[in-house]
């Protein structure tokens, strides 16, 4: 059985390898294979990619997500 530290690190690596996700905005925690991801992403597509990447990590039993979608602003006037 993989330790939670190894599961967390593998999940972090999986997320960091996603081309369109800013992994530094995310935090991963693992307890007995139950992984929680918090932070913010920029689209529903990114949310799905993050969850799929974590779910594919060996040792992950369950993924709980507490992600907030924050859309990009193209111009400062877009509030």
PDB file of N, CA and C in Angstrom:
ATOM      1  N   UNK A   1       0.841  -1.185   0.000  1.00  0.00           N
ATOM      2  CA  UNK A   1       0.000   0.000   0.000  1.00  0.00           C
ATOM      3  C   UNK A   1       0.882   1.243   0.000  1.00  0.00           C
ATOM      4  N   UNK A   2       0.538   2.186  -0.858  1.00  0.00           N
ATOM      5  CA  UNK A   2       1.319   3.418  -0.936  1.00  0.00           C
ATOM      6  C   UNK A   2       0.995   4.323   0.243  1.00  0.00           C
ATOM      7  N   UNK A   3       2.004   5.034   0.709  1.00  0.00           N
ATOM      8  CA  UNK A   3       1.769   5.972   1.792  1.00  0.00           C
ATOM      9  C   UNK A   3       1.090   7.226   1.249  1.00  0.00           C
ATOM     10  N   UNK A   4       0.485   7.969   2.146  1.00  0.00           N
ATOM     11  CA  UNK A   4      -0.203   9.185   1.728  1.00  0.00           C
ATOM     12  C   UNK A   4       0.756  10.220   1.147  1.00  0.00           C
ATOM     13  N   UNK A   5       1.966  10.267   1.636  1.00  0.00           N
ATOM     14  CA  UNK A   5       2.950  11.198   1.095  1.00  0.00           C
ATOM     15  C   UNK A   5       3.227  10.875  -0.375  1.00  0.00           C
ATOM     16  N   UNK A   6       3.404   9.597  -0.671  1.00  0.00           N
ATOM     17  CA  UNK A   6       3.671   9.182  -2.049  1.00  0.00           C
ATOM     18  C   UNK A   6       2.461   9.462  -2.932  1.00  0.00           C
ATOM     19  N   UNK A   7       1.275   9.162  -2.455  1.00  0.00           N
ATOM     20  CA  UNK A   7       0.057   9.431  -3.226  1.00  0.00           C
ATOM     21  C   UNK A   7      -0.060  10.918  -3.509  1.00  0.00           C
ATOM     22  N   UNK A   8       0.173  11.741  -2.486  1.00  0.00           N
ATOM     23  CA  UNK A   8       0.076  13.195  -2.671  1.00  0.00           C
ATOM     24  C   UNK A   8       1.082  13.681  -3.706  1.00  0.00           C
ATOM     25  N   UNK A   9       2.319  13.219  -3.598  1.00  0.00           N
ATOM     26  CA  UNK A   9       3.354  13.649  -4.543  1.00  0.00           C
ATOM     27  C   UNK A   9       3.035  13.199  -5.966  1.00  0.00           C
ATOM     28  N   UNK A  10       2.547  11.967  -6.111  1.00  0.00           N
ATOM     29  CA  UNK A  10       2.177  11.485  -7.446  1.00  0.00           C
ATOM     30  C   UNK A  10       1.020  12.296  -8.020  1.00  0.00           C
ATOM     31  N   UNK A  11       0.067  12.674  -7.176  1.00  0.00           N
ATOM     32  CA  UNK A  11      -1.049  13.512  -7.630  1.00  0.00           C
ATOM     33  C   UNK A  11      -0.548  14.889  -8.044  1.00  0.00           C
ATOM     34  N   UNK A  12       0.377  15.452  -7.278  1.00  0.00           N
ATOM     35  CA  UNK A  12       0.949  16.761  -7.623  1.00  0.00           C
ATOM     36  C   UNK A  12       1.688  16.704  -8.955  1.00  0.00           C
ATOM     37  N   UNK A  13       2.420  15.633  -9.184  1.00  0.00           N
ATOM     38  CA  UNK A  13       3.140  15.463 -10.450  1.00  0.00           C
ATOM     39  C   UNK A  13       2.152  15.315 -11.605  1.00  0.00           C
ATOM     40  N   UNK A  14       1.094  14.536 -11.381  1.00  0.00           N
ATOM     41  CA  UNK A  14       0.083  14.339 -12.428  1.00  0.00           C
ATOM     42  C   UNK A  14      -0.560  15.672 -12.814  1.00  0.00           C
ATOM     43  N   UNK A  15      -0.857  16.497 -11.826  1.00  0.00           N
ATOM     44  CA  UNK A  15      -1.474  17.794 -12.105  1.00  0.00           C
ATOM     45  C   UNK A  15      -0.477  18.736 -12.778  1.00  0.00           C
ATOM     46  N   UNK A  16       0.759  18.713 -12.311  1.00  0.00           N
ATOM     47  CA  UNK A  16       1.783  19.583 -12.900  1.00  0.00           C
ATOM     48  C   UNK A  16       2.037  19.251 -14.367  1.00  0.00           C
ATOM     49  N   UNK A  17       1.754  18.021 -14.761  1.00  0.00           N
ATOM     50  CA  UNK A  17       1.983  17.622 -16.151  1.00  0.00           C
ATOM     51  C   UNK A  17       0.843  18.024 -17.084  1.00  0.00           C
ATOM     52  N   UNK A  18      -0.243  18.540 -16.520  1.00  0.00           N
ATOM     53  CA  UNK A  18      -1.365  18.984 -17.356  1.00  0.00           C
ATOM     54  C   UNK A  18      -1.000  20.315 -18.014  1.00  0.00           C
ATOM     55  N   UNK A  19      -1.085  20.392 -19.343  1.00  0.00           N
ATOM     56  CA  UNK A  19      -0.585  21.580 -20.042  1.00  0.00           C
ATOM     57  C   UNK A  19      -1.350  22.879 -19.762  1.00  0.00           C
ATOM     58  N   UNK A  20      -2.625  22.815 -19.499  1.00  0.00           N
ATOM     59  CA  UNK A  20      -3.422  24.038 -19.361  1.00  0.00           C
ATOM     60  C   UNK A  20      -3.858  24.333 -17.937  1.00  0.00           C
ATOM     61  N   UNK A  21      -3.228  23.698 -16.962  1.00  0.00           N
ATOM     62  CA  UNK A  21      -3.616  23.887 -15.563  1.00  0.00           C
ATOM     63  C   UNK A  21      -2.464  24.546 -14.813  1.00  0.00           C
ATOM     64  N   UNK A  22      -2.778  25.596 -14.071  1.00  0.00           N
ATOM     65  CA  UNK A  22      -1.776  26.266 -13.242  1.00  0.00           C
ATOM     66  C   UNK A  22      -1.744  25.558 -11.881  1.00  0.00           C
ATOM     67  N   UNK A  23      -0.891  24.560 -11.794  1.00  0.00           N
ATOM     68  CA  UNK A  23      -0.862  23.680 -10.625  1.00  0.00           C
ATOM     69  C   UNK A  23      -0.513  24.416  -9.337  1.00  0.00           C
ATOM     70  N   UNK A  24       0.180  25.542  -9.437  1.00  0.00           N
ATOM     71  CA  UNK A  24       0.564  26.265  -8.224  1.00  0.00           C
ATOM     72  C   UNK A  24      -0.631  26.882  -7.499  1.00  0.00           C
ATOM     73  N   UNK A  25      -1.814  26.847  -8.136  1.00  0.00           N
ATOM     74  CA  UNK A  25      -3.028  27.352  -7.499  1.00  0.00           C
ATOM     75  C   UNK A  25      -3.776  26.241  -6.747  1.00  0.00           C
ATOM     76  N   UNK A  26      -3.233  25.037  -6.744  1.00  0.00           N
ATOM     77  CA  UNK A  26      -3.926  23.898  -6.163  1.00  0.00           C
ATOM     78  C   UNK A  26      -3.158  23.321  -4.974  1.00  0.00           C
ATOM     79  N   UNK A  27      -3.898  22.756  -4.041  1.00  0.00           N
ATOM     80  CA  UNK A  27      -3.306  22.092  -2.881  1.00  0.00           C
ATOM     81  C   UNK A  27      -3.905  20.690  -2.792  1.00  0.00           C
ATOM     82  N   UNK A  28      -3.043  19.711  -2.572  1.00  0.00           N
ATOM     83  CA  UNK A  28      -3.451  18.310  -2.490  1.00  0.00           C
ATOM     84  C   UNK A  28      -3.203  17.792  -1.078  1.00  0.00           C
ATOM     85  N   UNK A  29      -4.159  17.076  -0.536  1.00  0.00           N
ATOM     86  CA  UNK A  29      -3.992  16.391   0.744  1.00  0.00           C
ATOM     87  C   UNK A  29      -4.473  14.953   0.562  1.00  0.00           C
ATOM     88  N   UNK A  30      -3.853  14.031   1.289  1.00  0.00           N
ATOM     89  CA  UNK A  30      -4.243  12.631   1.194  1.00  0.00           C
ATOM     90  C   UNK A  30      -4.242  12.005   2.579  1.00  0.00           C
ATOM     91  N   UNK A  31      -5.302  11.254   2.852  1.00  0.00           N
ATOM     92  CA  UNK A  31      -5.391  10.508   4.100  1.00  0.00           C
ATOM     93  C   UNK A  31      -5.996   9.147   3.804  1.00  0.00           C
ATOM     94  N   UNK A  32      -5.202   8.120   4.001  1.00  0.00           N
ATOM     95  CA  UNK A  32      -5.623   6.744   3.743  1.00  0.00           C
ATOM     96  C   UNK A  32      -6.144   6.558   2.314  1.00  0.00           C
ATOM     97  N   UNK A  33      -5.510   7.248   1.364  1.00  0.00           N
ATOM     98  CA  UNK A  33      -5.896   7.130  -0.033  1.00  0.00           C
ATOM     99  C   UNK A  33      -7.054   8.009  -0.444  1.00  0.00           C
ATOM    100  N   UNK A  34      -7.634   8.715   0.484  1.00  0.00           N
ATOM    101  CA  UNK A  34      -8.707   9.668   0.172  1.00  0.00           C
ATOM    102  C   UNK A  34      -8.054  11.021  -0.073  1.00  0.00           C
ATOM    103  N   UNK A  35      -8.138  11.487  -1.296  1.00  0.00           N
ATOM    104  CA  UNK A  35      -7.435  12.695  -1.714  1.00  0.00           C
ATOM    105  C   UNK A  35      -8.414  13.861  -1.799  1.00  0.00           C
ATOM    106  N   UNK A  36      -7.978  15.004  -1.277  1.00  0.00           N
ATOM    107  CA  UNK A  36      -8.756  16.239  -1.380  1.00  0.00           C
ATOM    108  C   UNK A  36      -7.929  17.249  -2.157  1.00  0.00           C
ATOM    109  N   UNK A  37      -8.565  17.935  -3.091  1.00  0.00           N
ATOM    110  CA  UNK A  37      -7.887  18.983  -3.851  1.00  0.00           C
ATOM    111  C   UNK A  37      -8.656  20.286  -3.640  1.00  0.00           C
ATOM    112  N   UNK A  38      -7.917  21.332  -3.281  1.00  0.00           N
ATOM    113  CA  UNK A  38      -8.501  22.648  -3.070  1.00  0.00           C
ATOM    114  C   UNK A  38      -7.755  23.665  -3.918  1.00  0.00           C
ATOM    115  N   UNK A  39      -8.383  24.811  -4.109  1.00  0.00           N
ATOM    116  CA  UNK A  39      -7.747  25.885  -4.856  1.00  0.00           C
ATOM    117  C   UNK A  39      -8.666  26.409  -5.932  1.00  0.00           C
ATOM    118  N   UNK A  40      -8.057  27.044  -6.940  1.00  0.00           N
ATOM    119  CA  UNK A  40      -8.889  27.551  -8.023  1.00  0.00           C
ATOM    120  C   UNK A  40      -8.312  27.190  -9.384  1.00  0.00           C
ATOM    121  N   UNK A  41      -9.246  27.039 -10.300  1.00  0.00           N
ATOM    122  CA  UNK A  41      -8.943  26.722 -11.685  1.00  0.00           C
ATOM    123  C   UNK A  41      -9.702  27.719 -12.546  1.00  0.00           C
ATOM    124  N   UNK A  42      -9.503  27.658 -13.859  1.00  0.00           N
ATOM    125  CA  UNK A  42     -10.065  28.685 -14.723  1.00  0.00           C
ATOM    126  C   UNK A  42     -11.193  28.219 -15.639  1.00  0.00           C
ATOM    127  N   UNK A  43     -11.573  26.953 -15.543  1.00  0.00           N
ATOM    128  CA  UNK A  43     -12.684  26.478 -16.369  1.00  0.00           C
ATOM    129  C   UNK A  43     -13.158  25.112 -15.873  1.00  0.00           C
ATOM    130  N   UNK A  44     -14.328  24.739 -16.325  1.00  0.00           N
ATOM    131  CA  UNK A  44     -14.854  23.409 -16.005  1.00  0.00           C
ATOM    132  C   UNK A  44     -13.999  22.332 -16.670  1.00  0.00           C
ATOM    133  N   UNK A  45     -13.451  22.640 -17.833  1.00  0.00           N
ATOM    134  CA  UNK A  45     -12.566  21.700 -18.528  1.00  0.00           C
ATOM    135  C   UNK A  45     -11.325  21.407 -17.681  1.00  0.00           C
ATOM    136  N   UNK A  46     -10.771  22.447 -17.047  1.00  0.00           N
ATOM    137  CA  UNK A  46      -9.627  22.250 -16.161  1.00  0.00           C
ATOM    138  C   UNK A  46     -10.015  21.406 -14.957  1.00  0.00           C
ATOM    139  N   UNK A  47     -11.202  21.649 -14.403  1.00  0.00           N
ATOM    140  CA  UNK A  47     -11.676  20.863 -13.256  1.00  0.00           C
ATOM    141  C   UNK A  47     -11.704  19.382 -13.612  1.00  0.00           C
ATOM    142  N   UNK A  48     -12.271  19.062 -14.757  1.00  0.00           N
ATOM    143  CA  UNK A  48     -12.374  17.667 -15.178  1.00  0.00           C
ATOM    144  C   UNK A  48     -10.991  17.052 -15.392  1.00  0.00           C
ATOM    145  N   UNK A  49     -10.068  17.827 -15.967  1.00  0.00           N
ATOM    146  CA  UNK A  49      -8.716  17.317 -16.197  1.00  0.00           C
ATOM    147  C   UNK A  49      -7.999  17.032 -14.877  1.00  0.00           C
ATOM    148  N   UNK A  50      -8.139  17.937 -13.904  1.00  0.00           N
ATOM    149  CA  UNK A  50      -7.511  17.761 -12.598  1.00  0.00           C
ATOM    150  C   UNK A  50      -8.058  16.520 -11.899  1.00  0.00           C
ATOM    151  N   UNK A  51      -9.375  16.390 -11.895  1.00  0.00           N
ATOM    152  CA  UNK A  51      -9.995  15.250 -11.214  1.00  0.00           C
ATOM    153  C   UNK A  51      -9.616  13.928 -11.872  1.00  0.00           C
ATOM    154  N   UNK A  52      -9.571  13.913 -13.194  1.00  0.00           N
ATOM    155  CA  UNK A  52      -9.192  12.686 -13.905  1.00  0.00           C
ATOM    156  C   UNK A  52      -7.732  12.328 -13.620  1.00  0.00           C
ATOM    157  N   UNK A  53      -6.862  13.333 -13.594  1.00  0.00           N
ATOM    158  CA  UNK A  53      -5.445  13.078 -13.331  1.00  0.00           C
ATOM    159  C   UNK A  53      -5.251  12.478 -11.942  1.00  0.00           C
ATOM    160  N   UNK A  54      -5.940  13.036 -10.952  1.00  0.00           N
ATOM    161  CA  UNK A  54      -5.811  12.523  -9.584  1.00  0.00           C
ATOM    162  C   UNK A  54      -6.415  11.124  -9.480  1.00  0.00           C
ATOM    163  N   UNK A  55      -7.551  10.930 -10.097  1.00  0.00           N
ATOM    164  CA  UNK A  55      -8.239   9.637 -10.027  1.00  0.00           C
ATOM    165  C   UNK A  55      -7.395   8.518 -10.631  1.00  0.00           C
ATOM    166  N   UNK A  56      -6.520   8.857 -11.563  1.00  0.00           N
ATOM    167  CA  UNK A  56      -5.681   7.852 -12.221  1.00  0.00           C
ATOM    168  C   UNK A  56      -4.402   7.534 -11.449  1.00  0.00           C
ATOM    169  N   UNK A  57      -4.170   8.212 -10.343  1.00  0.00           N
ATOM    170  CA  UNK A  57      -2.970   7.960  -9.542  1.00  0.00           C
ATOM    171  C   UNK A  57      -3.152   6.669  -8.746  1.00  0.00           C
ATOM    172  N   UNK A  58      -2.134   5.828  -8.787  1.00  0.00           N
ATOM    173  CA  UNK A  58      -2.160   4.573  -8.034  1.00  0.00           C
ATOM    174  C   UNK A  58      -2.343   4.850  -6.545  1.00  0.00           C
ATOM    175  N   UNK A  59      -3.251   4.124  -5.919  1.00  0.00           N
ATOM    176  CA  UNK A  59      -3.475   4.251  -4.484  1.00  0.00           C
ATOM    177  C   UNK A  59      -4.614   5.175  -4.097  1.00  0.00           C
ATOM    178  N   UNK A  60      -5.113   5.948  -5.060  1.00  0.00           N
ATOM    179  CA  UNK A  60      -6.221   6.863  -4.763  1.00  0.00           C
ATOM    180  C   UNK A  60      -7.518   6.071  -4.695  1.00  0.00           C
ATOM    181  N   UNK A  61      -8.218   6.200  -3.572  1.00  0.00           N
ATOM    182  CA  UNK A  61      -9.487   5.511  -3.383  1.00  0.00           C
ATOM    183  C   UNK A  61     -10.662   6.425  -3.693  1.00  0.00           C
ATOM    184  N   UNK A  62     -10.542   7.683  -3.311  1.00  0.00           N
ATOM    185  CA  UNK A  62     -11.625   8.638  -3.477  1.00  0.00           C
ATOM    186  C   UNK A  62     -11.020  10.019  -3.669  1.00  0.00           C
ATOM    187  N   UNK A  63     -11.675  10.857  -4.504  1.00  0.00           N
ATOM    188  CA  UNK A  63     -11.233  12.230  -4.713  1.00  0.00           C
ATOM    189  C   UNK A  63     -12.357  13.168  -4.296  1.00  0.00           C
ATOM    190  N   UNK A  64     -12.036  14.072  -3.389  1.00  0.00           N
ATOM    191  CA  UNK A  64     -12.976  15.129  -3.003  1.00  0.00           C
ATOM    192  C   UNK A  64     -12.405  16.438  -3.515  1.00  0.00           C
ATOM    193  N   UNK A  65     -13.238  17.229  -4.160  1.00  0.00           N
ATOM    194  CA  UNK A  65     -12.722  18.476  -4.715  1.00  0.00           C
ATOM    195  C   UNK A  65     -13.446  19.674  -4.134  1.00  0.00           C
ATOM    196  N   UNK A  66     -12.648  20.671  -3.862  1.00  0.00           N
ATOM    197  CA  UNK A  66     -13.136  21.946  -3.342  1.00  0.00           C
ATOM    198  C   UNK A  66     -12.508  23.037  -4.200  1.00  0.00           C
ATOM    199  N   UNK A  67     -12.828  22.979  -5.488  1.00  0.00           N
ATOM    200  CA  UNK A  67     -12.235  23.886  -6.456  1.00  0.00           C
ATOM    201  C   UNK A  67     -13.207  25.002  -6.810  1.00  0.00           C
ATOM    202  N   UNK A  68     -12.654  26.167  -6.982  1.00  0.00           N
ATOM    203  CA  UNK A  68     -13.453  27.318  -7.396  1.00  0.00           C
ATOM    204  C   UNK A  68     -13.012  27.713  -8.797  1.00  0.00           C
ATOM    205  N   UNK A  69     -13.989  27.895  -9.685  1.00  0.00           N
ATOM    206  CA  UNK A  69     -13.680  28.333 -11.043  1.00  0.00           C
ATOM    207  C   UNK A  69     -13.603  29.853 -11.048  1.00  0.00           C
ATOM    208  N   UNK A  70     -12.449  30.364 -11.439  1.00  0.00           N
ATOM    209  CA  UNK A  70     -12.251  31.805 -11.589  1.00  0.00           C
ATOM    210  C   UNK A  70     -11.863  32.036 -13.038  1.00  0.00           C
ATOM    211  N   UNK A  71     -12.746  32.681 -13.767  1.00  0.00           N
ATOM    212  CA  UNK A  71     -12.495  32.904 -15.188  1.00  0.00           C
ATOM    213  C   UNK A  71     -11.489  34.024 -15.391  1.00  0.00           C
ATOM    214  N   UNK A  72     -10.731  33.898 -16.458  1.00  0.00           N
ATOM    215  CA  UNK A  72      -9.777  34.935 -16.813  1.00  0.00           C
ATOM    216  C   UNK A  72     -10.487  36.206 -17.245  1.00  0.00           C
ATOM    217  N   UNK A  73      -9.848  37.339 -16.979  1.00  0.00           N
ATOM    218  CA  UNK A  73     -10.326  38.596 -17.530  1.00  0.00           C
ATOM    219  C   UNK A  73      -9.397  38.955 -18.674  1.00  0.00           C
ATOM    220  N   UNK A  74      -9.972  39.293 -19.807  1.00  0.00           N
ATOM    221  CA  UNK A  74      -9.153  39.692 -20.945  1.00  0.00           C
ATOM    222  C   UNK A  74      -8.742  41.158 -20.819  1.00  0.00           C
ATOM    223  N   UNK A  75      -9.667  41.989 -20.349  1.00  0.00           N
ATOM    224  CA  UNK A  75      -9.401  43.406 -20.199  1.00  0.00           C
ATOM    225  C   UNK A  75      -9.731  43.837 -18.774  1.00  0.00           C
ATOM    226  N   UNK A  76      -9.037  44.828 -18.232  1.00  0.00           N
ATOM    227  CA  UNK A  76      -9.321  45.283 -16.862  1.00  0.00           C
ATOM    228  C   UNK A  76     -10.760  45.738 -16.647  1.00  0.00           C
ATOM    229  N   UNK A  77     -11.412  46.182 -17.705  1.00  0.00           N
ATOM    230  CA  UNK A  77     -12.797  46.653 -17.568  1.00  0.00           C
ATOM    231  C   UNK A  77     -13.800  45.524 -17.372  1.00  0.00           C
ATOM    232  N   UNK A  78     -13.367  44.292 -17.599  1.00  0.00           N
ATOM    233  CA  UNK A  78     -14.256  43.142 -17.419  1.00  0.00           C
ATOM    234  C   UNK A  78     -14.247  42.716 -15.953  1.00  0.00           C
ATOM    235  N   UNK A  79     -15.279  43.066 -15.233  1.00  0.00           N
ATOM    236  CA  UNK A  79     -15.334  42.741 -13.792  1.00  0.00           C
ATOM    237  C   UNK A  79     -16.291  41.637 -13.516  1.00  0.00           C
TER     238      UNK A  79
END
